[in-house]
PDB file of all heavy atoms in Angstrom:
ATOM      1  N   GLU A   1      10.271   0.768  -3.608  1.00  0.00           N
ATOM      2  CA  GLU A   1      11.207   1.174  -2.597  1.00  0.00           C
ATOM      3  C   GLU A   1      10.967   2.599  -2.264  1.00  0.00           C
ATOM      4  O   GLU A   1      10.996   3.472  -3.132  1.00  0.00           O
ATOM      5  CB  GLU A   1      12.674   1.009  -3.116  1.00  0.00           C
ATOM      6  CG  GLU A   1      13.019  -0.526  -3.378  1.00  0.00           C
ATOM      7  CD  GLU A   1      14.331  -0.643  -4.106  1.00  0.00           C
ATOM      8  OE1 GLU A   1      14.905   0.364  -4.461  1.00  0.00           O
ATOM      9  OE2 GLU A   1      14.723  -1.784  -4.354  1.00  0.00           O
ATOM     10  N   LEU A   2      10.635   2.894  -1.039  1.00  0.00           N
ATOM     11  CA  LEU A   2      10.256   4.257  -0.538  1.00  0.00           C
ATOM     12  C   LEU A   2      11.353   4.859   0.303  1.00  0.00           C
ATOM     13  O   LEU A   2      11.849   4.150   1.217  1.00  0.00           O
ATOM     14  CB  LEU A   2       8.950   4.222   0.174  1.00  0.00           C
ATOM     15  CG  LEU A   2       7.821   3.376  -0.394  1.00  0.00           C
ATOM     16  CD1 LEU A   2       6.634   3.376   0.520  1.00  0.00           C
ATOM     17  CD2 LEU A   2       7.405   3.946  -1.697  1.00  0.00           C
ATOM     18  N   LYS A   3      11.664   6.090   0.113  1.00  0.00           N
ATOM     19  CA  LYS A   3      12.591   6.787   0.960  1.00  0.00           C
ATOM     20  C   LYS A   3      11.824   8.001   1.511  1.00  0.00           C
ATOM     21  O   LYS A   3      11.511   8.930   0.856  1.00  0.00           O
ATOM     22  CB  LYS A   3      13.781   7.267   0.226  1.00  0.00           C
ATOM     23  CG  LYS A   3      14.817   6.154  -0.108  1.00  0.00           C
ATOM     24  CD  LYS A   3      16.133   6.663  -0.550  1.00  0.00           C
ATOM     25  CE  LYS A   3      17.169   5.540  -0.775  1.00  0.00           C
ATOM     26  NZ  LYS A   3      18.517   6.041  -1.170  1.00  0.00           N
ATOM     27  N   PRO A   4      11.680   7.979   2.913  1.00  0.00           N
ATOM     28  CA  PRO A   4      11.033   9.211   3.498  1.00  0.00           C
ATOM     29  C   PRO A   4      11.887  10.498   3.290  1.00  0.00           C
ATOM     30  O   PRO A   4      13.025  10.442   2.884  1.00  0.00           O
ATOM     31  CB  PRO A   4      11.014   8.839   4.992  1.00  0.00           C
ATOM     32  CG  PRO A   4      11.113   7.381   5.013  1.00  0.00           C
ATOM     33  CD  PRO A   4      11.962   7.004   3.835  1.00  0.00           C
ATOM     34  N   ARG A   5      11.259  11.578   3.461  1.00  0.00           N
ATOM     35  CA  ARG A   5      11.904  12.881   3.254  1.00  0.00           C
ATOM     36  C   ARG A   5      13.102  13.114   4.260  1.00  0.00           C
ATOM     37  O   ARG A   5      13.943  13.924   3.974  1.00  0.00           O
ATOM     38  CB  ARG A   5      10.978  14.049   3.354  1.00  0.00           C
ATOM     39  CG  ARG A   5       9.943  14.085   2.207  1.00  0.00           C
ATOM     40  CD  ARG A   5       9.009  15.286   2.319  1.00  0.00           C
ATOM     41  NE  ARG A   5       7.923  15.232   1.302  1.00  0.00           N
ATOM     42  CZ  ARG A   5       7.995  15.695   0.085  1.00  0.00           C
ATOM     43  NH1 ARG A   5       9.078  16.244  -0.342  1.00  0.00           N
ATOM     44  NH2 ARG A   5       6.972  15.576  -0.705  1.00  0.00           N
ATOM     45  N   TYR A   6      13.047  12.405   5.370  1.00  0.00           N
ATOM     46  CA  TYR A   6      14.097  12.557   6.340  1.00  0.00           C
ATOM     47  C   TYR A   6      14.268  11.207   7.027  1.00  0.00           C
ATOM     48  O   TYR A   6      13.325  10.369   7.113  1.00  0.00           O
ATOM     49  CB  TYR A   6      13.726  13.623   7.334  1.00  0.00           C
ATOM     50  CG  TYR A   6      12.407  13.470   7.980  1.00  0.00           C
ATOM     51  CD1 TYR A   6      12.162  12.672   9.067  1.00  0.00           C
ATOM     52  CD2 TYR A   6      11.278  14.194   7.439  1.00  0.00           C
ATOM     53  CE1 TYR A   6      10.918  12.519   9.679  1.00  0.00           C
ATOM     54  CE2 TYR A   6      10.037  14.012   8.044  1.00  0.00           C
ATOM     55  CZ  TYR A   6       9.872  13.192   9.066  1.00  0.00           C
ATOM     56  OH  TYR A   6       8.595  13.038   9.609  1.00  0.00           O
ATOM     57  N   PRO A   7      15.476  10.958   7.579  1.00  0.00           N
ATOM     58  CA  PRO A   7      15.655   9.706   8.366  1.00  0.00           C
ATOM     59  C   PRO A   7      14.760   9.634   9.608  1.00  0.00           C
ATOM     60  O   PRO A   7      14.686  10.706  10.297  1.00  0.00           O
ATOM     61  CB  PRO A   7      17.188   9.641   8.685  1.00  0.00           C
ATOM     62  CG  PRO A   7      17.575  11.086   8.670  1.00  0.00           C
ATOM     63  CD  PRO A   7      16.682  11.716   7.608  1.00  0.00           C
ATOM     64  N   ILE A   8      14.187   8.556   9.955  1.00  0.00           N
ATOM     65  CA  ILE A   8      13.315   8.499  11.110  1.00  0.00           C
ATOM     66  C   ILE A   8      14.078   7.846  12.231  1.00  0.00           C
ATOM     67  O   ILE A   8      14.233   6.659  12.362  1.00  0.00           O
ATOM     68  CB  ILE A   8      12.064   7.665  10.753  1.00  0.00           C
ATOM     69  CG1 ILE A   8      11.417   8.220   9.472  1.00  0.00           C
ATOM     70  CG2 ILE A   8      11.042   7.687  11.855  1.00  0.00           C
ATOM     71  CD1 ILE A   8      10.314   7.322   8.893  1.00  0.00           C
ATOM     72  N   PHE A   9      14.557   8.721  13.196  1.00  0.00           N
ATOM     73  CA  PHE A   9      15.286   8.256  14.332  1.00  0.00           C
ATOM     74  C   PHE A   9      14.302   7.890  15.462  1.00  0.00           C
ATOM     75  O   PHE A   9      13.099   8.039  15.340  1.00  0.00           O
ATOM     76  CB  PHE A   9      16.262   9.283  14.822  1.00  0.00           C
ATOM     77  CG  PHE A   9      17.535   9.416  13.963  1.00  0.00           C
ATOM     78  CD1 PHE A   9      17.575  10.280  12.890  1.00  0.00           C
ATOM     79  CD2 PHE A   9      18.626   8.613  14.250  1.00  0.00           C
ATOM     80  CE1 PHE A   9      18.735  10.316  12.139  1.00  0.00           C
ATOM     81  CE2 PHE A   9      19.747   8.699  13.495  1.00  0.00           C
ATOM     82  CZ  PHE A   9      19.873   9.541  12.438  1.00  0.00           C
ATOM     83  N   GLY A  10      14.847   7.339  16.559  1.00  0.00           N
ATOM     84  CA  GLY A  10      14.019   6.936  17.622  1.00  0.00           C
ATOM     85  C   GLY A  10      13.152   8.077  18.190  1.00  0.00           C
ATOM     86  O   GLY A  10      13.623   9.168  18.404  1.00  0.00           O
ATOM     87  N   GLY A  11      11.856   7.742  18.378  1.00  0.00           N
ATOM     88  CA  GLY A  11      10.936   8.773  18.824  1.00  0.00           C
ATOM     89  C   GLY A  11      10.365   9.664  17.731  1.00  0.00           C
ATOM     90  O   GLY A  11       9.483  10.443  17.990  1.00  0.00           O
ATOM     91  N   TRP A  12      10.855   9.571  16.458  1.00  0.00           N
ATOM     92  CA  TRP A  12      10.430  10.406  15.371  1.00  0.00           C
ATOM     93  C   TRP A  12       9.239   9.701  14.711  1.00  0.00           C
ATOM     94  O   TRP A  12       9.078   8.464  14.771  1.00  0.00           O
ATOM     95  CB  TRP A  12      11.555  10.642  14.372  1.00  0.00           C
ATOM     96  CG  TRP A  12      12.603  11.487  14.856  1.00  0.00           C
ATOM     97  CD1 TRP A  12      12.880  11.784  16.169  1.00  0.00           C
ATOM     98  CD2 TRP A  12      13.534  12.203  14.049  1.00  0.00           C
ATOM     99  NE1 TRP A  12      13.994  12.620  16.243  1.00  0.00           N
ATOM    100  CE2 TRP A  12      14.463  12.900  14.936  1.00  0.00           C
ATOM    101  CE3 TRP A  12      13.858  12.240  12.700  1.00  0.00           C
ATOM    102  CZ2 TRP A  12      15.507  13.599  14.555  1.00  0.00           C
ATOM    103  CZ3 TRP A  12      14.877  13.041  12.306  1.00  0.00           C
ATOM    104  CH2 TRP A  12      15.733  13.714  13.169  1.00  0.00           C
ATOM    105  N   ASN A  13       8.409  10.490  14.058  1.00  0.00           N
ATOM    106  CA  ASN A  13       7.144  10.027  13.343  1.00  0.00           C
ATOM    107  C   ASN A  13       7.258  10.378  11.899  1.00  0.00           C
ATOM    108  O   ASN A  13       7.923  11.368  11.455  1.00  0.00           O
ATOM    109  CB  ASN A  13       5.911  10.638  13.944  1.00  0.00           C
ATOM    110  CG  ASN A  13       5.818  10.385  15.464  1.00  0.00           C
ATOM    111  OD1 ASN A  13       5.436   9.257  15.828  1.00  0.00           O
ATOM    112  ND2 ASN A  13       6.182  11.352  16.350  1.00  0.00           N
ATOM    113  N   TYR A  14       6.456   9.609  11.080  1.00  0.00           N
ATOM    114  CA  TYR A  14       6.362   9.985   9.684  1.00  0.00           C
ATOM    115  C   TYR A  14       5.001   9.389   9.209  1.00  0.00           C
ATOM    116  O   TYR A  14       4.685   8.280   9.431  1.00  0.00           O
ATOM    117  CB  TYR A  14       7.470   9.341   8.838  1.00  0.00           C
ATOM    118  CG  TYR A  14       7.551   9.736   7.368  1.00  0.00           C
ATOM    119  CD1 TYR A  14       7.770  11.059   7.053  1.00  0.00           C
ATOM    120  CD2 TYR A  14       7.329   8.817   6.406  1.00  0.00           C
ATOM    121  CE1 TYR A  14       7.790  11.488   5.690  1.00  0.00           C
ATOM    122  CE2 TYR A  14       7.403   9.202   5.063  1.00  0.00           C
ATOM    123  CZ  TYR A  14       7.630  10.523   4.763  1.00  0.00           C
ATOM    124  OH  TYR A  14       7.648  10.927   3.433  1.00  0.00           O
ATOM    125  N   SER A  15       4.252  10.202   8.510  1.00  0.00           N
ATOM    126  CA  SER A  15       2.973   9.814   8.045  1.00  0.00           C
ATOM    127  C   SER A  15       2.972   9.911   6.440  1.00  0.00           C
ATOM    128  O   SER A  15       3.529  10.914   5.914  1.00  0.00           O
ATOM    129  CB  SER A  15       1.802  10.623   8.543  1.00  0.00           C
ATOM    130  OG  SER A  15       1.979  12.008   8.374  1.00  0.00           O
ATOM    131  N   PHE A  16       2.445   8.935   5.735  1.00  0.00           N
ATOM    132  CA  PHE A  16       2.420   8.904   4.338  1.00  0.00           C
ATOM    133  C   PHE A  16       1.316   8.052   3.774  1.00  0.00           C
ATOM    134  O   PHE A  16       0.659   7.270   4.612  1.00  0.00           O
ATOM    135  CB  PHE A  16       3.758   8.449   3.771  1.00  0.00           C
ATOM    136  CG  PHE A  16       4.153   7.042   4.171  1.00  0.00           C
ATOM    137  CD1 PHE A  16       3.865   5.985   3.270  1.00  0.00           C
ATOM    138  CD2 PHE A  16       4.723   6.741   5.364  1.00  0.00           C
ATOM    139  CE1 PHE A  16       4.152   4.667   3.686  1.00  0.00           C
ATOM    140  CE2 PHE A  16       5.012   5.474   5.699  1.00  0.00           C
ATOM    141  CZ  PHE A  16       4.750   4.438   4.866  1.00  0.00           C
ATOM    142  N   ARG A  17       1.039   8.011   2.504  1.00  0.00           N
ATOM    143  CA  ARG A  17       0.093   7.066   1.875  1.00  0.00           C
ATOM    144  C   ARG A  17       0.657   6.563   0.599  1.00  0.00           C
ATOM    145  O   ARG A  17       1.480   7.222  -0.054  1.00  0.00           O
ATOM    146  CB  ARG A  17      -1.224   7.847   1.646  1.00  0.00           C
ATOM    147  CG  ARG A  17      -1.202   8.847   0.527  1.00  0.00           C
ATOM    148  CD  ARG A  17      -2.582   9.503   0.283  1.00  0.00           C
ATOM    149  NE  ARG A  17      -3.096  10.160   1.464  1.00  0.00           N
ATOM    150  CZ  ARG A  17      -4.306  10.540   1.595  1.00  0.00           C
ATOM    151  NH1 ARG A  17      -5.223  10.352   0.681  1.00  0.00           N
ATOM    152  NH2 ARG A  17      -4.717  11.131   2.643  1.00  0.00           N
ATOM    153  N   ILE A  18       0.313   5.386   0.267  1.00  0.00           N
ATOM    154  CA  ILE A  18       0.654   4.740  -0.992  1.00  0.00           C
ATOM    155  C   ILE A  18      -0.610   4.179  -1.613  1.00  0.00           C
ATOM    156  O   ILE A  18      -1.550   3.860  -0.907  1.00  0.00           O
ATOM    157  CB  ILE A  18       1.743   3.751  -0.907  1.00  0.00           C
ATOM    158  CG1 ILE A  18       1.264   2.508  -0.062  1.00  0.00           C
ATOM    159  CG2 ILE A  18       3.019   4.305  -0.247  1.00  0.00           C
ATOM    160  CD1 ILE A  18       2.231   1.356  -0.083  1.00  0.00           C
ATOM    161  N   GLY A  19      -0.602   3.931  -2.926  1.00  0.00           N
ATOM    162  CA  GLY A  19      -1.731   3.356  -3.620  1.00  0.00           C
ATOM    163  C   GLY A  19      -1.344   2.716  -4.917  1.00  0.00           C
ATOM    164  O   GLY A  19      -0.198   3.040  -5.447  1.00  0.00           O
ATOM    165  N   TRP A  20      -2.186   1.866  -5.416  1.00  0.00           N
ATOM    166  CA  TRP A  20      -1.903   1.155  -6.717  1.00  0.00           C
ATOM    167  C   TRP A  20      -3.184   0.544  -7.162  1.00  0.00           C
ATOM    168  O   TRP A  20      -4.189   0.537  -6.448  1.00  0.00           O
ATOM    169  CB  TRP A  20      -0.785   0.150  -6.555  1.00  0.00           C
ATOM    170  CG  TRP A  20      -1.174  -0.972  -5.630  1.00  0.00           C
ATOM    171  CD1 TRP A  20      -1.680  -2.227  -5.927  1.00  0.00           C
ATOM    172  CD2 TRP A  20      -0.975  -1.006  -4.194  1.00  0.00           C
ATOM    173  NE1 TRP A  20      -1.845  -3.004  -4.823  1.00  0.00           N
ATOM    174  CE2 TRP A  20      -1.433  -2.272  -3.679  1.00  0.00           C
ATOM    175  CE3 TRP A  20      -0.516  -0.124  -3.260  1.00  0.00           C
ATOM    176  CZ2 TRP A  20      -1.475  -2.659  -2.395  1.00  0.00           C
ATOM    177  CZ3 TRP A  20      -0.517  -0.473  -1.950  1.00  0.00           C
ATOM    178  CH2 TRP A  20      -0.963  -1.757  -1.497  1.00  0.00           C
ATOM    179  N   ASN A  21      -3.153  -0.016  -8.364  1.00  0.00           N
ATOM    180  CA  ASN A  21      -4.360  -0.671  -8.970  1.00  0.00           C
ATOM    181  C   ASN A  21      -3.981  -2.117  -9.343  1.00  0.00           C
ATOM    182  O   ASN A  21      -2.855  -2.491  -9.652  1.00  0.00           O
ATOM    183  CB  ASN A  21      -4.785   0.122 -10.222  1.00  0.00           C
ATOM    184  CG  ASN A  21      -5.433   1.431  -9.892  1.00  0.00           C
ATOM    185  OD1 ASN A  21      -6.307   1.541  -9.076  1.00  0.00           O
ATOM    186  ND2 ASN A  21      -4.855   2.462 -10.451  1.00  0.00           N
ATOM    187  N   ASN A  22      -5.007  -2.963  -9.361  1.00  0.00           N
ATOM    188  CA  ASN A  22      -4.945  -4.383  -9.822  1.00  0.00           C
ATOM    189  C   ASN A  22      -6.198  -4.710 -10.665  1.00  0.00           C
ATOM    190  O   ASN A  22      -7.212  -4.121 -10.509  1.00  0.00           O
ATOM    191  CB  ASN A  22      -4.864  -5.355  -8.621  1.00  0.00           C
ATOM    192  CG  ASN A  22      -3.502  -5.252  -7.959  1.00  0.00           C
ATOM    193  OD1 ASN A  22      -3.329  -4.652  -6.882  1.00  0.00           O
ATOM    194  ND2 ASN A  22      -2.510  -5.965  -8.494  1.00  0.00           N
ATOM    195  N   ASP A  23      -5.919  -5.742 -11.529  1.00  0.00           N
ATOM    196  CA  ASP A  23      -7.089  -6.292 -12.290  1.00  0.00           C
ATOM    197  C   ASP A  23      -7.993  -6.965 -11.293  1.00  0.00           C
ATOM    198  O   ASP A  23      -7.605  -7.919 -10.495  1.00  0.00           O
ATOM    199  CB  ASP A  23      -6.579  -7.252 -13.315  1.00  0.00           C
ATOM    200  CG  ASP A  23      -7.687  -7.816 -14.198  1.00  0.00           C
ATOM    201  OD1 ASP A  23      -8.846  -7.436 -13.997  1.00  0.00           O
ATOM    202  OD2 ASP A  23      -7.331  -8.616 -15.107  1.00  0.00           O
ATOM    203  N   LEU A  24      -9.269  -6.628 -11.291  1.00  0.00           N
ATOM    204  CA  LEU A  24     -10.226  -7.223 -10.308  1.00  0.00           C
ATOM    205  C   LEU A  24     -10.409  -8.735 -10.551  1.00  0.00           C
ATOM    206  O   LEU A  24     -10.652  -9.436  -9.552  1.00  0.00           O
ATOM    207  CB  LEU A  24     -11.559  -6.538 -10.447  1.00  0.00           C
ATOM    208  CG  LEU A  24     -12.647  -6.915  -9.461  1.00  0.00           C
ATOM    209  CD1 LEU A  24     -12.300  -6.707  -8.038  1.00  0.00           C
ATOM    210  CD2 LEU A  24     -13.981  -6.162  -9.834  1.00  0.00           C
ATOM    211  N   ALA A  25     -10.258  -9.186 -11.765  1.00  0.00           N
ATOM    212  CA  ALA A  25     -10.385 -10.591 -11.966  1.00  0.00           C
ATOM    213  C   ALA A  25      -9.451 -11.516 -11.176  1.00  0.00           C
ATOM    214  O   ALA A  25      -9.720 -12.686 -11.014  1.00  0.00           O
ATOM    215  CB  ALA A  25     -10.283 -10.940 -13.506  1.00  0.00           C
ATOM    216  N   SER A  26      -8.393 -10.938 -10.695  1.00  0.00           N
ATOM    217  CA  SER A  26      -7.405 -11.754  -9.924  1.00  0.00           C
ATOM    218  C   SER A  26      -7.835 -12.031  -8.548  1.00  0.00           C
ATOM    219  O   SER A  26      -7.258 -12.837  -7.788  1.00  0.00           O
ATOM    220  CB  SER A  26      -6.035 -11.009  -9.932  1.00  0.00           C
ATOM    221  OG  SER A  26      -5.485 -10.821 -11.220  1.00  0.00           O
ATOM    222  N   PHE A  27      -8.885 -11.271  -8.065  1.00  0.00           N
ATOM    223  CA  PHE A  27      -9.346 -11.339  -6.671  1.00  0.00           C
ATOM    224  C   PHE A  27     -10.851 -11.685  -6.506  1.00  0.00           C
ATOM    225  O   PHE A  27     -11.253 -12.082  -5.445  1.00  0.00           O
ATOM    226  CB  PHE A  27      -9.086  -9.990  -5.942  1.00  0.00           C
ATOM    227  CG  PHE A  27      -7.648  -9.516  -6.118  1.00  0.00           C
ATOM    228  CD1 PHE A  27      -7.237  -8.703  -7.093  1.00  0.00           C
ATOM    229  CD2 PHE A  27      -6.707  -9.865  -5.155  1.00  0.00           C
ATOM    230  CE1 PHE A  27      -5.928  -8.270  -7.203  1.00  0.00           C
ATOM    231  CE2 PHE A  27      -5.438  -9.517  -5.302  1.00  0.00           C
ATOM    232  CZ  PHE A  27      -4.979  -8.694  -6.270  1.00  0.00           C
ATOM    233  N   LEU A  28     -11.584 -11.498  -7.565  1.00  0.00           N
ATOM    234  CA  LEU A  28     -13.021 -11.644  -7.504  1.00  0.00           C
ATOM    235  C   LEU A  28     -13.505 -12.838  -8.373  1.00  0.00           C
ATOM    236  O   LEU A  28     -13.063 -12.980  -9.506  1.00  0.00           O
ATOM    237  CB  LEU A  28     -13.759 -10.359  -7.918  1.00  0.00           C
ATOM    238  CG  LEU A  28     -15.264 -10.346  -7.816  1.00  0.00           C
ATOM    239  CD1 LEU A  28     -15.649 -10.258  -6.296  1.00  0.00           C
ATOM    240  CD2 LEU A  28     -15.875  -9.222  -8.608  1.00  0.00           C
ATOM    241  N   ARG A  29     -14.415 -13.610  -7.860  1.00  0.00           N
ATOM    242  CA  ARG A  29     -14.971 -14.678  -8.687  1.00  0.00           C
ATOM    243  C   ARG A  29     -16.500 -14.756  -8.403  1.00  0.00           C
ATOM    244  O   ARG A  29     -16.939 -14.395  -7.286  1.00  0.00           O
ATOM    245  CB  ARG A  29     -14.364 -16.091  -8.388  1.00  0.00           C
ATOM    246  CG  ARG A  29     -14.599 -16.604  -6.995  1.00  0.00           C
ATOM    247  CD  ARG A  29     -13.992 -17.961  -6.817  1.00  0.00           C
ATOM    248  NE  ARG A  29     -14.115 -18.490  -5.476  1.00  0.00           N
ATOM    249  CZ  ARG A  29     -15.186 -19.112  -5.030  1.00  0.00           C
ATOM    250  NH1 ARG A  29     -16.216 -19.274  -5.852  1.00  0.00           N
ATOM    251  NH2 ARG A  29     -15.222 -19.593  -3.841  1.00  0.00           N
ATOM    252  N   ARG A  30     -17.166 -15.237  -9.346  1.00  0.00           N
ATOM    253  CA  ARG A  30     -18.604 -15.397  -9.226  1.00  0.00           C
ATOM    254  C   ARG A  30     -18.958 -16.786  -8.664  1.00  0.00           C
ATOM    255  O   ARG A  30     -18.345 -17.795  -9.094  1.00  0.00           O
ATOM    256  CB  ARG A  30     -19.302 -15.155 -10.556  1.00  0.00           C
ATOM    257  CG  ARG A  30     -20.829 -14.989 -10.488  1.00  0.00           C
ATOM    258  CD  ARG A  30     -21.389 -14.524 -11.804  1.00  0.00           C
ATOM    259  NE  ARG A  30     -22.726 -14.086 -11.802  1.00  0.00           N
ATOM    260  CZ  ARG A  30     -23.349 -13.439 -12.775  1.00  0.00           C
ATOM    261  NH1 ARG A  30     -22.666 -13.091 -13.823  1.00  0.00           N
ATOM    262  NH2 ARG A  30     -24.613 -13.090 -12.613  1.00  0.00           N
ATOM    263  N   ALA A  31     -19.951 -16.877  -7.777  1.00  0.00           N
ATOM    264  CA  ALA A  31     -20.326 -18.173  -7.235  1.00  0.00           C
ATOM    265  C   ALA A  31     -20.918 -19.063  -8.311  1.00  0.00           C
ATOM    266  O   ALA A  31     -21.412 -18.588  -9.335  1.00  0.00           O
ATOM    267  CB  ALA A  31     -21.241 -17.936  -6.041  1.00  0.00           C
ATOM    268  N   ALA A  32     -20.842 -20.335  -7.992  1.00  0.00           N
ATOM    269  CA  ALA A  32     -21.439 -21.306  -8.977  1.00  0.00           C
ATOM    270  C   ALA A  32     -22.946 -21.043  -9.303  1.00  0.00           C
ATOM    271  O   ALA A  32     -23.655 -20.601  -8.432  1.00  0.00           O
ATOM    272  CB  ALA A  32     -21.282 -22.700  -8.447  1.00  0.00           C
ATOM    273  N   GLY A  33     -23.320 -21.267 -10.542  1.00  0.00           N
ATOM    274  CA  GLY A  33     -24.624 -21.037 -10.918  1.00  0.00           C
ATOM    275  C   GLY A  33     -24.736 -19.965 -11.965  1.00  0.00           C
ATOM    276  O   GLY A  33     -24.146 -18.862 -11.846  1.00  0.00           O
TER     277      GLY A  33
END
């Protein structure tokens, strides 16, 4: 749950970044062979 530093009313802008990590084994597999 993210709360910007100020409420974003009509015509207002806000730029931000988020990030996180995951175990690669949940998304990557090796082809047969």
